[in-house]
Amino acid sequence: MSLKPAFRAKAIAVCSDKIAKKGDGVGLSFYAFFANRNDDPEQLMEAARWWIETHRLDHFEKAVKIRDMLKAGV
């Protein structure tokens, strides 16, 4: 499963911002890519499938790992 290019770019930016603010050890979940309101349920489910079903990631992962996966097109 692949993420849409616009969402992938947004997620990379979120990861990069978190890393810049909190360092390489900062963790995040896929919820970090969304507002507190569920205003895009289709995109949320796409991200959840990518995170949970496709890659079997833990709830929290290092932002560096996620950013690198996204940049690699995984």
PDB file of N, CA and C in Angstrom:
ATOM      1  N   MET A   1       0.835  -1.182   0.000  1.00  0.00           N
ATOM      2  CA  MET A   1       0.000   0.000   0.000  1.00  0.00           C
ATOM      3  C   MET A   1       0.877   1.242   0.000  1.00  0.00           C
ATOM      4  N   SER A   2       0.525   2.195  -0.820  1.00  0.00           N
ATOM      5  CA  SER A   2       1.293   3.426  -0.924  1.00  0.00           C
ATOM      6  C   SER A   2       0.433   4.614  -0.505  1.00  0.00           C
ATOM      7  N   LEU A   3       1.073   5.574   0.079  1.00  0.00           N
ATOM      8  CA  LEU A   3       0.377   6.790   0.501  1.00  0.00           C
ATOM      9  C   LEU A   3       0.359   7.794  -0.643  1.00  0.00           C
ATOM     10  N   LYS A   4      -0.659   8.637  -0.661  1.00  0.00           N
ATOM     11  CA  LYS A   4      -0.759   9.682  -1.673  1.00  0.00           C
ATOM     12  C   LYS A   4       0.424  10.641  -1.526  1.00  0.00           C
ATOM     13  N   PRO A   5       0.962  11.129  -2.643  1.00  0.00           N
ATOM     14  CA  PRO A   5       2.136  12.010  -2.588  1.00  0.00           C
ATOM     15  C   PRO A   5       1.958  13.242  -1.692  1.00  0.00           C
ATOM     16  N   ALA A   6       0.802  13.875  -1.739  1.00  0.00           N
ATOM     17  CA  ALA A   6       0.580  15.076  -0.920  1.00  0.00           C
ATOM     18  C   ALA A   6       0.609  14.727   0.569  1.00  0.00           C
ATOM     19  N   PHE A   7      -0.003  13.597   0.927  1.00  0.00           N
ATOM     20  CA  PHE A   7       0.010  13.193   2.329  1.00  0.00           C
ATOM     21  C   PHE A   7       1.412  12.783   2.749  1.00  0.00           C
ATOM     22  N   ARG A   8       2.122  12.079   1.879  1.00  0.00           N
ATOM     23  CA  ARG A   8       3.494  11.664   2.175  1.00  0.00           C
ATOM     24  C   ARG A   8       4.355  12.899   2.468  1.00  0.00           C
ATOM     25  N   ALA A   9       4.228  13.942   1.639  1.00  0.00           N
ATOM     26  CA  ALA A   9       4.991  15.180   1.841  1.00  0.00           C
ATOM     27  C   ALA A   9       4.630  15.839   3.180  1.00  0.00           C
ATOM     28  N   LYS A  10       3.337  15.859   3.496  1.00  0.00           N
ATOM     29  CA  LYS A  10       2.882  16.440   4.767  1.00  0.00           C
ATOM     30  C   LYS A  10       3.458  15.649   5.940  1.00  0.00           C
ATOM     31  N   ALA A  11       3.424  14.325   5.860  1.00  0.00           N
ATOM     32  CA  ALA A  11       3.924  13.487   6.946  1.00  0.00           C
ATOM     33  C   ALA A  11       5.431  13.668   7.128  1.00  0.00           C
ATOM     34  N   ILE A  12       6.176  13.790   6.032  1.00  0.00           N
ATOM     35  CA  ILE A  12       7.614  14.044   6.113  1.00  0.00           C
ATOM     36  C   ILE A  12       7.871  15.374   6.805  1.00  0.00           C
ATOM     37  N   ALA A  13       7.085  16.386   6.456  1.00  0.00           N
ATOM     38  CA  ALA A  13       7.236  17.702   7.077  1.00  0.00           C
ATOM     39  C   ALA A  13       6.941  17.646   8.575  1.00  0.00           C
ATOM     40  N   VAL A  14       5.902  16.910   8.964  1.00  0.00           N
ATOM     41  CA  VAL A  14       5.567  16.767  10.386  1.00  0.00           C
ATOM     42  C   VAL A  14       6.711  16.081  11.126  1.00  0.00           C
ATOM     43  N   CYS A  15       7.229  14.995  10.559  1.00  0.00           N
ATOM     44  CA  CYS A  15       8.349  14.288  11.186  1.00  0.00           C
ATOM     45  C   CYS A  15       9.559  15.217  11.318  1.00  0.00           C
ATOM     46  N   SER A  16       9.890  15.911  10.257  1.00  0.00           N
ATOM     47  CA  SER A  16      11.047  16.806  10.272  1.00  0.00           C
ATOM     48  C   SER A  16      10.897  17.907  11.303  1.00  0.00           C
ATOM     49  N   ASP A  17       9.687  18.446  11.416  1.00  0.00           N
ATOM     50  CA  ASP A  17       9.417  19.495  12.403  1.00  0.00           C
ATOM     51  C   ASP A  17       9.591  18.958  13.830  1.00  0.00           C
ATOM     52  N   LYS A  18       9.035  17.789  14.095  1.00  0.00           N
ATOM     53  CA  LYS A  18       9.166  17.187  15.433  1.00  0.00           C
ATOM     54  C   LYS A  18      10.634  16.921  15.766  1.00  0.00           C
ATOM     55  N   ILE A  19      11.385  16.397  14.785  1.00  0.00           N
ATOM     56  CA  ILE A  19      12.802  16.112  14.990  1.00  0.00           C
ATOM     57  C   ILE A  19      13.569  17.402  15.277  1.00  0.00           C
ATOM     58  N   ALA A  20      13.274  18.448  14.502  1.00  0.00           N
ATOM     59  CA  ALA A  20      13.958  19.734  14.691  1.00  0.00           C
ATOM     60  C   ALA A  20      13.682  20.315  16.073  1.00  0.00           C
ATOM     61  N   LYS A  21      12.459  20.145  16.565  1.00  0.00           N
ATOM     62  CA  LYS A  21      12.075  20.718  17.858  1.00  0.00           C
ATOM     63  C   LYS A  21      12.509  19.873  19.046  1.00  0.00           C
ATOM     64  N   LYS A  22      12.506  18.527  18.878  1.00  0.00           N
ATOM     65  CA  LYS A  22      12.710  17.661  20.045  1.00  0.00           C
ATOM     66  C   LYS A  22      13.881  16.694  19.915  1.00  0.00           C
ATOM     67  N   GLY A  23      14.553  16.686  18.773  1.00  0.00           N
ATOM     68  CA  GLY A  23      15.719  15.834  18.598  1.00  0.00           C
ATOM     69  C   GLY A  23      15.413  14.503  17.937  1.00  0.00           C
ATOM     70  N   ASP A  24      16.494  13.775  17.616  1.00  0.00           N
ATOM     71  CA  ASP A  24      16.384  12.514  16.874  1.00  0.00           C
ATOM     72  C   ASP A  24      15.649  11.419  17.625  1.00  0.00           C
ATOM     73  N   GLY A  25      15.548  11.522  18.932  1.00  0.00           N
ATOM     74  CA  GLY A  25      14.906  10.478  19.718  1.00  0.00           C
ATOM     75  C   GLY A  25      13.403  10.616  19.851  1.00  0.00           C
ATOM     76  N   VAL A  26      12.818  11.650  19.263  1.00  0.00           N
ATOM     77  CA  VAL A  26      11.380  11.886  19.424  1.00  0.00           C
ATOM     78  C   VAL A  26      10.576  10.807  18.700  1.00  0.00           C
ATOM     79  N   GLY A  27       9.527  10.355  19.374  1.00  0.00           N
ATOM     80  CA  GLY A  27       8.623   9.384  18.793  1.00  0.00           C
ATOM     81  C   GLY A  27       7.301  10.030  18.425  1.00  0.00           C
ATOM     82  N   LEU A  28       6.561   9.335  17.588  1.00  0.00           N
ATOM     83  CA  LEU A  28       5.224   9.808  17.223  1.00  0.00           C
ATOM     84  C   LEU A  28       4.383   8.637  16.753  1.00  0.00           C
ATOM     85  N   SER A  29       3.084   8.883  16.664  1.00  0.00           N
ATOM     86  CA  SER A  29       2.164   7.908  16.093  1.00  0.00           C
ATOM     87  C   SER A  29       1.581   8.534  14.829  1.00  0.00           C
ATOM     88  N   PHE A  30       0.846   7.744  14.072  1.00  0.00           N
ATOM     89  CA  PHE A  30       0.275   8.293  12.837  1.00  0.00           C
ATOM     90  C   PHE A  30      -0.744   9.390  13.118  1.00  0.00           C
ATOM     91  N   TYR A  31      -1.249   9.455  14.341  1.00  0.00           N
ATOM     92  CA  TYR A  31      -2.181  10.534  14.693  1.00  0.00           C
ATOM     93  C   TYR A  31      -1.517  11.902  14.627  1.00  0.00           C
ATOM     94  N   ALA A  32      -0.187  11.949  14.704  1.00  0.00           N
ATOM     95  CA  ALA A  32       0.534  13.227  14.650  1.00  0.00           C
ATOM     96  C   ALA A  32       0.327  13.946  13.326  1.00  0.00           C
ATOM     97  N   PHE A  33      -0.105  13.222  12.306  1.00  0.00           N
ATOM     98  CA  PHE A  33      -0.275  13.806  10.986  1.00  0.00           C
ATOM     99  C   PHE A  33      -1.651  14.434  10.776  1.00  0.00           C
ATOM    100  N   PHE A  34      -2.473  14.426  11.816  1.00  0.00           N
ATOM    101  CA  PHE A  34      -3.857  14.891  11.698  1.00  0.00           C
ATOM    102  C   PHE A  34      -4.206  15.885  12.798  1.00  0.00           C
ATOM    103  N   ALA A  35      -5.222  16.693  12.525  1.00  0.00           N
ATOM    104  CA  ALA A  35      -5.765  17.614  13.528  1.00  0.00           C
ATOM    105  C   ALA A  35      -6.498  16.791  14.589  1.00  0.00           C
ATOM    106  N   ASN A  36      -6.807  17.390  15.702  1.00  0.00           N
ATOM    107  CA  ASN A  36      -7.526  16.690  16.765  1.00  0.00           C
ATOM    108  C   ASN A  36      -8.937  16.284  16.341  1.00  0.00           C
ATOM    109  N   ARG A  37      -9.462  16.942  15.317  1.00  0.00           N
ATOM    110  CA  ARG A  37     -10.772  16.572  14.782  1.00  0.00           C
ATOM    111  C   ARG A  37     -10.561  15.566  13.662  1.00  0.00           C
ATOM    112  N   ASN A  38     -11.489  14.676  13.512  1.00  0.00           N
ATOM    113  CA  ASN A  38     -11.425  13.702  12.431  1.00  0.00           C
ATOM    114  C   ASN A  38     -12.062  14.319  11.188  1.00  0.00           C
ATOM    115  N   ASP A  39     -11.304  15.227  10.542  1.00  0.00           N
ATOM    116  CA  ASP A  39     -11.855  15.951   9.395  1.00  0.00           C
ATOM    117  C   ASP A  39     -11.513  15.287   8.051  1.00  0.00           C
ATOM    118  N   ASP A  40     -10.735  14.215   8.078  1.00  0.00           N
ATOM    119  CA  ASP A  40     -10.409  13.493   6.851  1.00  0.00           C
ATOM    120  C   ASP A  40     -10.325  11.991   7.155  1.00  0.00           C
ATOM    121  N   PRO A  41     -11.485  11.356   7.401  1.00  0.00           N
ATOM    122  CA  PRO A  41     -11.475   9.952   7.812  1.00  0.00           C
ATOM    123  C   PRO A  41     -10.853   9.011   6.788  1.00  0.00           C
ATOM    124  N   GLU A  42     -11.000   9.298   5.494  1.00  0.00           N
ATOM    125  CA  GLU A  42     -10.401   8.429   4.482  1.00  0.00           C
ATOM    126  C   GLU A  42      -8.878   8.459   4.571  1.00  0.00           C
ATOM    127  N   GLN A  43      -8.309   9.653   4.734  1.00  0.00           N
ATOM    128  CA  GLN A  43      -6.855   9.775   4.836  1.00  0.00           C
ATOM    129  C   GLN A  43      -6.351   9.155   6.137  1.00  0.00           C
ATOM    130  N   LEU A  44      -7.113   9.329   7.205  1.00  0.00           N
ATOM    131  CA  LEU A  44      -6.741   8.728   8.489  1.00  0.00           C
ATOM    132  C   LEU A  44      -6.678   7.204   8.365  1.00  0.00           C
ATOM    133  N   MET A  45      -7.658   6.612   7.717  1.00  0.00           N
ATOM    134  CA  MET A  45      -7.672   5.160   7.554  1.00  0.00           C
ATOM    135  C   MET A  45      -6.541   4.700   6.626  1.00  0.00           C
ATOM    136  N   GLU A  46      -6.250   5.476   5.606  1.00  0.00           N
ATOM    137  CA  GLU A  46      -5.134   5.138   4.724  1.00  0.00           C
ATOM    138  C   GLU A  46      -3.822   5.135   5.506  1.00  0.00           C
ATOM    139  N   ALA A  47      -3.623   6.141   6.340  1.00  0.00           N
ATOM    140  CA  ALA A  47      -2.409   6.215   7.162  1.00  0.00           C
ATOM    141  C   ALA A  47      -2.366   5.071   8.170  1.00  0.00           C
ATOM    142  N   ALA A  48      -3.500   4.756   8.758  1.00  0.00           N
ATOM    143  CA  ALA A  48      -3.563   3.657   9.729  1.00  0.00           C
ATOM    144  C   ALA A  48      -3.227   2.328   9.065  1.00  0.00           C
ATOM    145  N   ARG A  49      -3.759   2.090   7.873  1.00  0.00           N
ATOM    146  CA  ARG A  49      -3.449   0.849   7.154  1.00  0.00           C
ATOM    147  C   ARG A  49      -1.963   0.776   6.817  1.00  0.00           C
ATOM    148  N   TRP A  50      -1.395   1.888   6.349  1.00  0.00           N
ATOM    149  CA  TRP A  50       0.034   1.927   6.024  1.00  0.00           C
ATOM    150  C   TRP A  50       0.855   1.616   7.265  1.00  0.00           C
ATOM    151  N   TRP A  51       0.512   2.240   8.389  1.00  0.00           N
ATOM    152  CA  TRP A  51       1.263   2.118   9.639  1.00  0.00           C
ATOM    153  C   TRP A  51       1.085   0.735  10.277  1.00  0.00           C
ATOM    154  N   ILE A  52      -0.164   0.299  10.392  1.00  0.00           N
ATOM    155  CA  ILE A  52      -0.475  -0.910  11.168  1.00  0.00           C
ATOM    156  C   ILE A  52      -0.461  -2.175  10.313  1.00  0.00           C
ATOM    157  N   GLU A  53      -1.226  -2.167   9.240  1.00  0.00           N
ATOM    158  CA  GLU A  53      -1.348  -3.383   8.438  1.00  0.00           C
ATOM    159  C   GLU A  53      -0.137  -3.634   7.543  1.00  0.00           C
ATOM    160  N   THR A  54       0.290  -2.627   6.826  1.00  0.00           N
ATOM    161  CA  THR A  54       1.363  -2.807   5.863  1.00  0.00           C
ATOM    162  C   THR A  54       2.718  -3.008   6.535  1.00  0.00           C
ATOM    163  N   HIS A  55       3.025  -2.144   7.515  1.00  0.00           N
ATOM    164  CA  HIS A  55       4.369  -2.163   8.106  1.00  0.00           C
ATOM    165  C   HIS A  55       4.431  -2.727   9.522  1.00  0.00           C
ATOM    166  N   ARG A  56       3.262  -2.995  10.108  1.00  0.00           N
ATOM    167  CA  ARG A  56       3.206  -3.580  11.454  1.00  0.00           C
ATOM    168  C   ARG A  56       4.061  -2.808  12.463  1.00  0.00           C
ATOM    169  N   LEU A  57       3.942  -1.490  12.403  1.00  0.00           N
ATOM    170  CA  LEU A  57       4.698  -0.624  13.306  1.00  0.00           C
ATOM    171  C   LEU A  57       4.029  -0.563  14.667  1.00  0.00           C
ATOM    172  N   ASP A  58       4.817  -0.281  15.688  1.00  0.00           N
ATOM    173  CA  ASP A  58       4.284  -0.066  17.025  1.00  0.00           C
ATOM    174  C   ASP A  58       3.489   1.231  17.037  1.00  0.00           C
ATOM    175  N   HIS A  59       2.704   1.422  18.104  1.00  0.00           N
ATOM    176  CA  HIS A  59       1.896   2.635  18.186  1.00  0.00           C
ATOM    177  C   HIS A  59       2.779   3.884  18.096  1.00  0.00           C
ATOM    178  N   PHE A  60       3.889   3.895  18.836  1.00  0.00           N
ATOM    179  CA  PHE A  60       4.844   4.999  18.759  1.00  0.00           C
ATOM    180  C   PHE A  60       6.128   4.486  18.123  1.00  0.00           C
ATOM    181  N   GLU A  61       6.625   5.246  17.162  1.00  0.00           N
ATOM    182  CA  GLU A  61       7.882   4.939  16.486  1.00  0.00           C
ATOM    183  C   GLU A  61       8.724   6.202  16.442  1.00  0.00           C
ATOM    184  N   LYS A  62      10.013   6.038  16.259  1.00  0.00           N
ATOM    185  CA  LYS A  62      10.906   7.193  16.134  1.00  0.00           C
ATOM    186  C   LYS A  62      10.544   7.961  14.863  1.00  0.00           C
ATOM    187  N   ALA A  63      10.441   9.275  14.990  1.00  0.00           N
ATOM    188  CA  ALA A  63      10.101  10.113  13.843  1.00  0.00           C
ATOM    189  C   ALA A  63      11.140   9.978  12.739  1.00  0.00           C
ATOM    190  N   VAL A  64      12.408   9.788  13.117  1.00  0.00           N
ATOM    191  CA  VAL A  64      13.472   9.622  12.118  1.00  0.00           C
ATOM    192  C   VAL A  64      13.196   8.388  11.262  1.00  0.00           C
ATOM    193  N   LYS A  65      12.804   7.294  11.890  1.00  0.00           N
ATOM    194  CA  LYS A  65      12.504   6.052  11.166  1.00  0.00           C
ATOM    195  C   LYS A  65      11.346   6.254  10.190  1.00  0.00           C
ATOM    196  N   ILE A  66      10.284   6.890  10.655  1.00  0.00           N
ATOM    197  CA  ILE A  66       9.109   7.109   9.814  1.00  0.00           C
ATOM    198  C   ILE A  66       9.440   8.039   8.663  1.00  0.00           C
ATOM    199  N   ARG A  67      10.155   9.131   8.960  1.00  0.00           N
ATOM    200  CA  ARG A  67      10.549  10.072   7.912  1.00  0.00           C
ATOM    201  C   ARG A  67      11.388   9.368   6.838  1.00  0.00           C
ATOM    202  N   ASP A  68      12.339   8.560   7.263  1.00  0.00           N
ATOM    203  CA  ASP A  68      13.191   7.864   6.310  1.00  0.00           C
ATOM    204  C   ASP A  68      12.399   6.867   5.466  1.00  0.00           C
ATOM    205  N   MET A  69      11.437   6.178   6.086  1.00  0.00           N
ATOM    206  CA  MET A  69      10.584   5.251   5.334  1.00  0.00           C
ATOM    207  C   MET A  69       9.765   6.007   4.290  1.00  0.00           C
ATOM    208  N   LEU A  70       9.198   7.123   4.695  1.00  0.00           N
ATOM    209  CA  LEU A  70       8.384   7.920   3.778  1.00  0.00           C
ATOM    210  C   LEU A  70       9.211   8.469   2.625  1.00  0.00           C
ATOM    211  N   LYS A  71      10.422   8.962   2.922  1.00  0.00           N
ATOM    212  CA  LYS A  71      11.294   9.487   1.879  1.00  0.00           C
ATOM    213  C   LYS A  71      11.704   8.403   0.894  1.00  0.00           C
ATOM    214  N   ALA A  72      11.870   7.174   1.417  1.00  0.00           N
ATOM    215  CA  ALA A  72      12.270   6.056   0.559  1.00  0.00           C
ATOM    216  C   ALA A  72      11.121   5.513  -0.277  1.00  0.00           C
ATOM    217  N   GLY A  73       9.922   6.000  -0.014  1.00  0.00           N
ATOM    218  CA  GLY A  73       8.760   5.552  -0.771  1.00  0.00           C
ATOM    219  C   GLY A  73       8.194   4.229  -0.316  1.00  0.00           C
ATOM    220  N   VAL A  74       8.578   3.830   0.889  1.00  0.00           N
ATOM    221  CA  VAL A  74       8.108   2.553   1.446  1.00  0.00           C
ATOM    222  C   VAL A  74       6.638   2.627   1.756  1.00  0.00           C
TER     223      VAL A  74
END
